[in-house]
Amino acid sequence: MDYKRIKRRITEKYNRKTVDYSHYLGEVLKRKRMELSMTQEAASHGICSVSYLSKIENNKMSPNSLFVREISDRMGIDLEAYAQTFEDINVLKEGLQAFYYQDVAKLEKLLDNVKTLNHETMSDLFKLLIANLEGDYAEGDNLLTTLLPGMNNMDLFSSITIIIVASIHYYETRRYKQAYNMLHTLEEFEGVHPMLRGLESMYAYFIRQKIGKKNNSAAHYNEAHKVFSEYNHPKKLMTLHLHKLLFLAEEDPREIRRQFRSLRVECLDDEHQNQYLALKLMVEPNFAKEDAEHVLFKLQTNRKDEWFYRALALLMLANRDDIAFLKKFSRFFEEVSEPFLVEKTLYQSLLLTDKKSYKNLLRDICLPMAIDKQETFYIRYFTDELSDILVQEARYKEVHVVYQRKQRALKEMAAIRS
């Protein structure tokens, strides 16, 4: 995918400020007139007075439709196309609000309304929003193959929405390079709706943490926190906070234990249970053994997202010596979606008792899968496991090769550029 080309086209749309971006008819007329380097006198001559046109352009009065049509014809504005674009933006804003507050029912209702208009692009965009909230990753991939190439013919608002939702989709399907590069097309770009800016900043923070660009992620965290606070969105604030704690848990065990004790558990809803359980399993390892059945039961009540599988992995690792308990996990991997195959390889590795088979699985399947999914947690875990076996076999050169492979993978992730 040519991310530089996407960024160039988005920037061109914003710089042109063409009619498809404007929310008001007067603003459309004014921008088009300035684009043509036309004076108010030239635009209004023989149609209406200059002061009348000035009031229209500044949205100080409702214009006579006949005058507007004549002025539009003079400047080459397609009013029917503008009206459709204006309606599209309003509907999409309503859909964005539903997506922002994770209201699938509202999105489905809006989708039904859009379908009656035979507007395929807008229908696909609403389907993408729904697929993202429902975790239908295969559907999301199919829709993006159509929507991304078609952005040339879309207004600026729709294009930005697709870029940000695509970035979220790539993040949630563990394609961090694609997610980073997609978001990079909007860097230092001011023409983003505040709700979209909040989502963009939150996922920019997540992605930078994942790929090792942590020193540059604080600004994104602060921007997301600011937007979610202004829009009074406690769920998004909790998602942001839990992610921050989870990233901290990988770096500073002492500090995360202190902050974890101050977490207000009573504020958690079902949506955040998997994240909370993953965090608790990281902070309190004994919890994974003492309440293993309880944790497993709690996990089953929520959809299978990234944190479902991360918590599942931590639970498996803590109980790796209990084969009978591990076998209870088999049903979770019978139809596992492609983004979470790395957990399936982990599960298969824990069931192996033969050291040679375990080594081969780690080397040939587990570690390559972890590198492919760009998951540092699993890259480090599988590397350590494989290295321990090789040291026991006195295969020191292979240990060095495995270690270099890990370092190269982590370095490549942190060196992502668009």
Protein backbone atom coordinates (compact mmCIF):
# COMPACT_ATOMS: atom_id res chain seq x y z
CA MET A 1 0.00 0.00 0.00
CA ASP A 2 1.33 3.44 -0.97
CA TYR A 3 0.96 5.42 2.28
CA LYS A 4 2.82 8.45 0.92
CA ARG A 5 0.31 8.67 -1.89
CA ILE A 6 -2.59 8.51 0.59
CA LYS A 7 -1.03 11.26 2.69
CA ARG A 8 -0.45 13.42 -0.36
CA ARG A 9 -4.04 13.12 -1.51
CA ILE A 10 -5.48 13.84 1.93
CA THR A 11 -3.28 16.92 2.21
CA GLU A 12 -4.32 18.09 -1.25
CA LYS A 13 -8.00 17.74 -0.33
CA TYR A 14 -7.50 19.77 2.80
CA ASN A 15 -5.43 22.48 1.10
CA ARG A 16 -7.93 22.88 -1.73
CA LYS A 17 -10.78 23.20 0.77
CA THR A 18 -13.14 22.19 -2.03
CA VAL A 19 -16.91 22.14 -1.73
CA ASP A 20 -17.01 18.58 -0.49
CA TYR A 21 -15.49 19.57 2.84
CA SER A 22 -17.67 22.54 3.70
CA HIS A 23 -20.61 22.30 6.08
CA TYR A 24 -22.39 25.48 5.00
CA LEU A 25 -23.62 26.63 1.63
CA GLY A 26 -22.31 30.18 2.13
CA GLU A 27 -18.89 28.80 2.92
CA VAL A 28 -19.04 26.68 -0.23
CA LEU A 29 -19.70 29.71 -2.37
CA LYS A 30 -16.97 31.75 -0.69
CA ARG A 31 -14.31 29.05 -0.96
CA LYS A 32 -15.12 28.28 -4.57
CA ARG A 33 -15.05 31.99 -5.46
CA MET A 34 -11.65 32.41 -3.78
CA GLU A 35 -10.38 29.25 -5.47
CA LEU A 36 -11.30 30.86 -8.82
CA SER A 37 -9.75 34.20 -7.74
CA MET A 38 -13.13 35.79 -8.45
CA THR A 39 -14.27 39.00 -6.73
CA GLN A 40 -17.69 39.33 -5.11
CA GLU A 41 -18.55 41.88 -7.77
CA ALA A 42 -17.79 39.42 -10.57
CA ALA A 43 -19.66 36.58 -8.89
CA SER A 44 -22.80 38.62 -8.16
CA HIS A 45 -22.90 40.86 -11.27
CA GLY A 46 -26.35 40.78 -12.88
CA ILE A 47 -27.70 38.43 -10.20
CA CYS A 48 -27.75 40.21 -6.86
CA SER A 49 -25.98 42.95 -4.94
CA VAL A 50 -22.48 42.56 -3.53
CA SER A 51 -23.79 43.07 0.03
CA TYR A 52 -26.40 40.33 -0.53
CA LEU A 53 -23.70 37.86 -1.64
CA SER A 54 -21.53 38.90 1.31
CA LYS A 55 -24.33 38.07 3.74
CA ILE A 56 -24.85 34.69 2.06
CA GLU A 57 -21.14 33.86 2.22
CA ASN A 58 -20.99 34.74 5.92
CA ASN A 59 -24.14 32.73 6.71
CA LYS A 60 -25.98 35.82 7.94
CA MET A 61 -29.14 35.10 5.96
CA SER A 62 -31.01 32.32 4.18
CA PRO A 63 -30.37 32.89 0.47
CA ASN A 64 -32.88 32.95 -2.36
CA SER A 65 -32.52 29.56 -4.07
CA LEU A 66 -32.73 31.14 -7.54
CA PHE A 67 -29.81 33.51 -6.81
CA VAL A 68 -27.77 30.66 -5.34
CA ARG A 69 -28.33 28.49 -8.40
CA GLU A 70 -27.33 31.27 -10.79
CA ILE A 71 -24.19 32.12 -8.80
CA SER A 72 -23.33 28.42 -8.53
CA ASP A 73 -23.72 27.94 -12.28
CA ARG A 74 -21.41 30.92 -12.85
CA MET A 75 -18.72 29.35 -10.63
CA GLY A 76 -19.28 25.79 -11.83
CA ILE A 77 -20.63 24.37 -8.55
CA ASP A 78 -22.77 21.23 -8.84
CA LEU A 79 -25.43 21.93 -6.20
CA GLU A 80 -26.91 18.43 -6.42
CA ALA A 81 -23.51 16.90 -5.76
CA TYR A 82 -22.97 19.34 -2.91
CA ALA A 83 -26.36 18.49 -1.38
CA GLN A 84 -25.53 14.77 -1.52
CA THR A 85 -22.09 15.33 0.02
CA PHE A 86 -23.60 17.53 2.72
CA GLU A 87 -26.11 14.80 3.55
CA ASP A 88 -23.37 12.13 3.52
CA ILE A 89 -21.28 14.11 6.01
CA ASN A 90 -24.23 14.61 8.35
CA VAL A 91 -25.15 10.92 8.26
CA LEU A 92 -21.53 9.88 8.70
CA LYS A 93 -21.14 12.22 11.68
CA GLU A 94 -24.15 10.58 13.27
CA GLY A 95 -22.60 7.19 12.55
CA LEU A 96 -19.26 8.30 13.94
CA GLN A 97 -20.93 9.33 17.18
CA ALA A 98 -22.57 5.90 17.41
CA PHE A 99 -19.20 4.24 16.70
CA TYR A 100 -17.51 6.47 19.26
CA TYR A 101 -19.96 5.36 21.95
CA GLN A 102 -20.02 1.78 20.61
CA ASP A 103 -23.73 1.80 19.81
CA VAL A 104 -24.05 -1.07 17.32
CA ALA A 105 -27.86 -0.89 17.27
CA LYS A 106 -27.75 2.76 16.19
CA LEU A 107 -25.18 1.97 13.49
CA GLU A 108 -27.33 -0.85 12.13
CA LYS A 109 -30.34 1.47 11.98
CA LEU A 110 -28.31 4.09 10.12
CA LEU A 111 -27.01 1.41 7.76
CA ASP A 112 -30.59 0.41 6.90
CA ASN A 113 -31.38 4.06 6.11
CA VAL A 114 -28.28 4.40 3.92
CA LYS A 115 -29.11 1.20 2.02
CA THR A 116 -32.42 2.68 0.87
CA LEU A 117 -30.45 5.43 -0.89
CA ASN A 118 -28.40 2.87 -2.88
CA HIS A 119 -25.22 4.54 -1.67
CA GLU A 120 -22.75 1.63 -1.77
CA THR A 121 -19.70 3.51 -0.49
CA MET A 122 -21.51 4.90 2.55
CA SER A 123 -23.08 1.48 3.18
CA ASP A 124 -19.65 -0.15 3.13
CA LEU A 125 -18.31 2.48 5.52
CA PHE A 126 -21.09 1.78 8.01
CA LYS A 127 -20.51 -1.96 7.62
CA LEU A 128 -16.83 -1.34 8.42
CA LEU A 129 -17.76 0.54 11.62
CA ILE A 130 -20.04 -2.32 12.70
CA ALA A 131 -17.49 -5.01 11.80
CA ASN A 132 -14.87 -3.21 13.88
CA LEU A 133 -17.09 -3.04 16.97
CA GLU A 134 -18.15 -6.68 16.60
CA GLY A 135 -14.65 -7.99 15.98
CA ASP A 136 -15.51 -9.35 12.53
CA TYR A 137 -11.95 -9.05 11.20
CA ALA A 138 -12.50 -10.98 7.96
CA GLU A 139 -15.38 -8.68 7.02
CA GLY A 140 -13.24 -5.66 7.90
CA ASP A 141 -10.47 -6.84 5.57
CA ASN A 142 -12.93 -7.36 2.71
CA LEU A 143 -14.47 -3.91 3.13
CA LEU A 144 -11.10 -2.14 3.29
CA THR A 145 -10.02 -3.67 -0.03
CA THR A 146 -12.86 -1.68 -1.59
CA LEU A 147 -12.92 1.46 0.54
CA LEU A 148 -9.21 2.36 0.61
CA PRO A 149 -8.71 2.48 -3.19
CA GLY A 150 -11.96 4.43 -3.54
CA MET A 151 -10.93 7.34 -1.32
CA ASN A 152 -10.08 9.48 -4.37
CA ASN A 153 -13.79 9.98 -4.99
CA MET A 154 -14.73 10.71 -1.37
CA ASP A 155 -14.97 13.92 0.60
CA LEU A 156 -12.26 14.74 3.14
CA PHE A 157 -14.30 13.81 6.22
CA SER A 158 -15.14 10.34 4.87
CA SER A 159 -11.53 9.75 3.82
CA ILE A 160 -10.19 10.63 7.27
CA THR A 161 -12.80 8.40 8.92
CA ILE A 162 -11.74 5.45 6.76
CA ILE A 163 -8.04 6.02 7.49
CA ILE A 164 -8.60 6.07 11.26
CA VAL A 165 -10.98 3.08 11.31
CA ALA A 166 -8.54 1.19 9.06
CA SER A 167 -5.76 1.99 11.55
CA ILE A 168 -7.88 0.65 14.41
CA HIS A 169 -8.61 -2.49 12.39
CA TYR A 170 -4.93 -3.08 11.63
CA TYR A 171 -4.00 -2.54 15.28
CA GLU A 172 -6.62 -4.98 16.53
CA THR A 173 -5.49 -7.57 13.98
CA ARG A 174 -1.85 -7.17 15.07
CA ARG A 175 -0.63 -5.50 11.92
CA TYR A 176 1.17 -2.73 13.74
CA LYS A 177 3.30 -1.67 10.78
CA GLN A 178 0.23 -1.07 8.62
CA ALA A 179 -1.55 0.68 11.49
CA TYR A 180 1.41 2.96 12.16
CA ASN A 181 1.90 3.85 8.52
CA MET A 182 -1.81 4.50 8.03
CA LEU A 183 -1.99 6.88 11.00
CA HIS A 184 1.23 8.52 9.87
CA THR A 185 -0.67 9.87 6.84
CA LEU A 186 -2.55 12.18 9.24
CA GLU A 187 0.41 13.39 11.31
CA GLU A 188 0.52 17.16 11.79
CA PHE A 189 -2.79 17.40 9.94
CA GLU A 190 -5.32 19.77 11.53
CA GLY A 191 -8.45 18.95 9.54
CA VAL A 192 -9.64 16.14 11.84
CA HIS A 193 -12.94 16.09 13.74
CA PRO A 194 -12.35 16.06 17.54
CA MET A 195 -13.91 12.61 18.04
CA LEU A 196 -11.74 11.20 15.29
CA ARG A 197 -8.73 13.02 16.73
CA GLY A 198 -9.33 11.32 20.07
CA LEU A 199 -9.43 7.87 18.46
CA GLU A 200 -6.41 8.68 16.30
CA SER A 201 -4.40 9.82 19.32
CA MET A 202 -5.38 6.82 21.44
CA TYR A 203 -4.36 4.27 18.82
CA ALA A 204 -1.22 6.22 17.96
CA TYR A 205 -0.29 5.83 21.63
CA PHE A 206 -1.10 2.10 21.61
CA ILE A 207 0.84 1.47 18.41
CA ARG A 208 3.92 3.42 19.49
CA GLN A 209 4.00 1.46 22.72
CA LYS A 210 3.72 -1.82 20.83
CA ILE A 211 6.51 -1.12 18.35
CA GLY A 212 8.95 0.40 20.84
CA LYS A 213 8.54 4.13 20.04
CA LYS A 214 7.59 4.78 23.65
CA ASN A 215 9.52 8.02 24.07
CA ASN A 216 7.29 9.68 21.51
CA SER A 217 3.95 8.38 22.77
CA ALA A 218 3.20 10.66 25.74
CA ALA A 219 1.84 13.48 23.56
CA HIS A 220 -0.65 11.10 21.93
CA TYR A 221 -1.77 9.81 25.34
CA ASN A 222 -2.31 13.35 26.63
CA GLU A 223 -4.22 14.40 23.52
CA ALA A 224 -6.52 11.36 23.72
CA HIS A 225 -7.12 11.93 27.44
CA LYS A 226 -7.98 15.57 26.77
CA VAL A 227 -10.50 14.75 24.01
CA PHE A 228 -12.20 11.94 25.95
CA SER A 229 -12.48 14.17 29.01
CA GLU A 230 -14.00 17.01 26.99
CA TYR A 231 -16.48 14.64 25.35
CA ASN A 232 -17.30 13.03 28.70
CA HIS A 233 -16.44 9.49 27.59
CA PRO A 234 -15.57 7.46 30.73
CA LYS A 235 -15.36 4.16 28.81
CA LYS A 236 -12.67 5.45 26.47
CA LEU A 237 -10.82 6.99 29.43
CA MET A 238 -10.87 3.61 31.19
CA THR A 239 -9.62 1.84 28.03
CA LEU A 240 -6.80 4.37 27.78
CA HIS A 241 -5.90 4.02 31.47
CA LEU A 242 -5.89 0.20 31.45
CA HIS A 243 -3.67 0.12 28.39
CA LYS A 244 -1.28 2.51 30.09
CA LEU A 245 -1.13 0.18 33.10
CA LEU A 246 -0.64 -2.87 30.90
CA PHE A 247 2.24 -1.25 29.07
CA LEU A 248 3.73 -0.16 32.39
CA ALA A 249 3.47 -3.72 33.73
CA GLU A 250 5.97 -4.85 31.10
CA GLU A 251 8.52 -2.22 32.24
CA ASP A 252 8.18 -1.46 35.95
CA PRO A 253 6.70 -4.27 38.13
CA ARG A 254 7.04 -2.27 41.35
CA GLU A 255 5.28 0.83 40.02
CA ILE A 256 2.49 -1.17 38.38
CA ARG A 257 1.73 -2.94 41.65
CA ARG A 258 1.38 0.43 43.38
CA GLN A 259 -0.91 1.84 40.69
CA PHE A 260 -2.91 -1.37 40.40
CA ARG A 261 -3.93 -1.14 44.07
CA SER A 262 -5.46 2.29 43.41
CA LEU A 263 -7.51 1.09 40.41
CA ARG A 264 -11.23 1.52 41.06
CA VAL A 265 -12.54 -1.94 40.21
CA GLU A 266 -16.15 -0.90 40.84
CA CYS A 267 -15.93 1.39 37.80
CA LEU A 268 -15.14 -1.47 35.42
CA ASP A 269 -17.83 -2.71 33.05
CA ASP A 270 -18.02 -5.96 31.07
CA GLU A 271 -16.20 -4.37 28.16
CA HIS A 272 -13.04 -3.94 30.26
CA GLN A 273 -13.08 -7.24 32.14
CA ASN A 274 -10.60 -8.96 29.84
CA GLN A 275 -8.15 -6.07 30.07
CA TYR A 276 -8.48 -6.01 33.84
CA LEU A 277 -7.98 -9.78 34.12
CA ALA A 278 -4.89 -9.64 31.90
CA LEU A 279 -3.51 -6.87 34.10
CA LYS A 280 -4.30 -8.72 37.32
CA LEU A 281 -2.62 -11.88 35.99
CA MET A 282 0.51 -9.85 35.21
CA VAL A 283 0.59 -8.02 38.53
CA GLU A 284 -0.48 -10.92 40.79
CA PRO A 285 0.92 -14.17 39.32
CA ASN A 286 -0.46 -16.26 42.23
CA PHE A 287 -3.97 -15.20 41.22
CA ALA A 288 -3.58 -17.29 38.06
CA LYS A 289 -3.11 -20.48 40.09
CA GLU A 290 -5.30 -19.84 43.09
CA ASP A 291 -8.37 -18.75 41.08
CA ALA A 292 -7.68 -20.35 37.71
CA GLU A 293 -11.18 -21.76 37.23
CA HIS A 294 -12.75 -18.47 38.25
CA VAL A 295 -10.60 -16.53 35.79
CA LEU A 296 -11.45 -18.94 33.00
CA PHE A 297 -15.16 -18.55 33.77
CA LYS A 298 -14.92 -14.75 33.77
CA LEU A 299 -13.08 -14.74 30.44
CA GLN A 300 -15.78 -16.79 28.77
CA THR A 301 -18.38 -14.08 29.37
CA ASN A 302 -16.73 -11.63 26.96
CA ARG A 303 -16.01 -11.60 23.23
CA LYS A 304 -12.70 -12.97 22.02
CA ASP A 305 -10.64 -9.82 21.57
CA GLU A 306 -6.91 -9.20 21.97
CA TRP A 307 -7.13 -9.08 25.76
CA PHE A 308 -9.18 -12.27 25.94
CA TYR A 309 -6.32 -14.14 24.30
CA ARG A 310 -3.63 -12.26 26.24
CA ALA A 311 -5.29 -13.16 29.55
CA LEU A 312 -5.78 -16.70 28.30
CA ALA A 313 -2.07 -16.94 27.48
CA LEU A 314 -1.05 -15.71 30.94
CA LEU A 315 -3.45 -18.17 32.54
CA MET A 316 -2.02 -21.02 30.48
CA LEU A 317 1.57 -20.10 31.29
CA ALA A 318 0.84 -19.94 35.01
CA ASN A 319 -0.75 -23.41 34.89
CA ARG A 320 1.51 -25.02 32.31
CA ASP A 321 2.17 -28.03 34.57
CA ASP A 322 -1.53 -28.86 34.85
CA ILE A 323 -2.22 -30.64 31.56
CA ALA A 324 -5.79 -31.54 32.56
CA PHE A 325 -6.60 -27.86 33.13
CA LEU A 326 -4.86 -26.80 29.92
CA LYS A 327 -6.99 -29.18 27.87
CA LYS A 328 -10.05 -27.15 28.87
CA PHE A 329 -8.70 -24.40 26.62
CA SER A 330 -8.97 -26.46 23.44
CA ARG A 331 -12.42 -25.13 22.49
CA PHE A 332 -11.08 -21.58 22.36
CA PHE A 333 -8.69 -22.52 19.57
CA GLU A 334 -10.92 -24.69 17.41
CA GLU A 335 -11.98 -21.78 15.19
CA VAL A 336 -9.51 -19.12 16.29
CA SER A 337 -9.33 -16.11 13.98
CA GLU A 338 -6.09 -15.46 12.09
CA PRO A 339 -4.82 -12.54 14.23
CA PHE A 340 -4.69 -14.79 17.30
CA LEU A 341 -2.91 -17.82 15.89
CA VAL A 342 0.13 -16.98 18.02
CA GLU A 343 -1.85 -17.95 21.14
CA LYS A 344 -2.85 -21.16 19.45
CA THR A 345 0.81 -22.03 18.87
CA LEU A 346 1.49 -21.23 22.53
CA TYR A 347 -1.28 -23.59 23.59
CA GLN A 348 0.05 -26.38 21.37
CA SER A 349 3.56 -25.89 22.71
CA LEU A 350 2.43 -26.21 26.34
CA LEU A 351 0.83 -29.60 25.65
CA LEU A 352 4.08 -31.09 24.35
CA THR A 353 6.06 -33.24 26.75
CA ASP A 354 8.75 -34.35 24.31
CA LYS A 355 11.67 -31.89 24.45
CA LYS A 356 12.71 -32.40 20.83
CA SER A 357 9.18 -31.81 19.53
CA TYR A 358 8.88 -28.77 21.77
CA LYS A 359 12.14 -27.33 20.44
CA ASN A 360 11.11 -27.86 16.82
CA LEU A 361 7.71 -26.27 17.40
CA LEU A 362 9.30 -23.24 19.06
CA ARG A 363 11.87 -22.81 16.30
CA ASP A 364 9.70 -23.53 13.26
CA ILE A 365 6.24 -22.33 14.27
CA CYS A 366 5.99 -20.36 17.50
CA LEU A 367 8.82 -17.87 17.14
CA PRO A 368 8.17 -17.14 13.43
CA MET A 369 4.47 -16.63 14.22
CA ALA A 370 5.28 -14.22 17.07
CA ILE A 371 7.60 -12.25 14.78
CA ASP A 372 4.95 -12.20 12.05
CA LYS A 373 2.38 -10.87 14.53
CA GLN A 374 4.88 -8.30 15.81
CA GLU A 375 4.11 -9.27 19.42
CA THR A 376 7.11 -8.48 21.63
CA PHE A 377 5.72 -10.43 24.61
CA TYR A 378 5.66 -13.67 22.64
CA ILE A 379 8.86 -12.95 20.73
CA ARG A 380 10.73 -12.68 24.03
CA TYR A 381 8.97 -15.65 25.64
CA PHE A 382 9.53 -18.07 22.76
CA THR A 383 13.12 -16.89 22.35
CA ASP A 384 13.86 -17.51 26.03
CA GLU A 385 12.27 -20.96 25.95
CA LEU A 386 14.15 -21.98 22.82
CA SER A 387 17.44 -20.58 24.12
CA ASP A 388 17.12 -22.55 27.39
CA ILE A 389 16.75 -25.81 25.49
CA LEU A 390 19.67 -25.03 23.20
CA VAL A 391 21.90 -24.15 26.17
CA GLN A 392 21.04 -27.48 27.80
CA GLU A 393 22.10 -29.17 24.56
CA ALA A 394 25.31 -27.07 24.45
CA ARG A 395 24.28 -25.65 21.06
CA TYR A 396 25.68 -22.20 21.80
CA LYS A 397 26.00 -21.00 18.21
CA GLU A 398 22.31 -21.63 17.69
CA VAL A 399 21.55 -19.69 20.87
CA HIS A 400 23.41 -16.75 19.39
CA VAL A 401 21.47 -17.05 16.11
CA VAL A 402 18.14 -17.15 17.97
CA TYR A 403 19.11 -14.14 20.07
CA GLN A 404 20.11 -12.18 16.95
CA ARG A 405 16.83 -13.12 15.33
CA LYS A 406 14.94 -11.68 18.30
CA GLN A 407 16.98 -8.47 18.32
CA ARG A 408 16.55 -8.01 14.58
CA ALA A 409 12.77 -8.45 14.84
CA LEU A 410 12.45 -5.93 17.69
CA LYS A 411 14.73 -3.46 15.89
CA GLU A 412 12.71 -3.71 12.69
CA MET A 413 9.50 -3.03 14.59
CA ALA A 414 10.93 0.10 16.21
CA ALA A 415 12.30 1.31 12.86
CA ILE A 416 8.94 1.38 11.11
CA ARG A 417 8.66 4.29 8.69
CA SER A 418 6.01 5.20 6.20
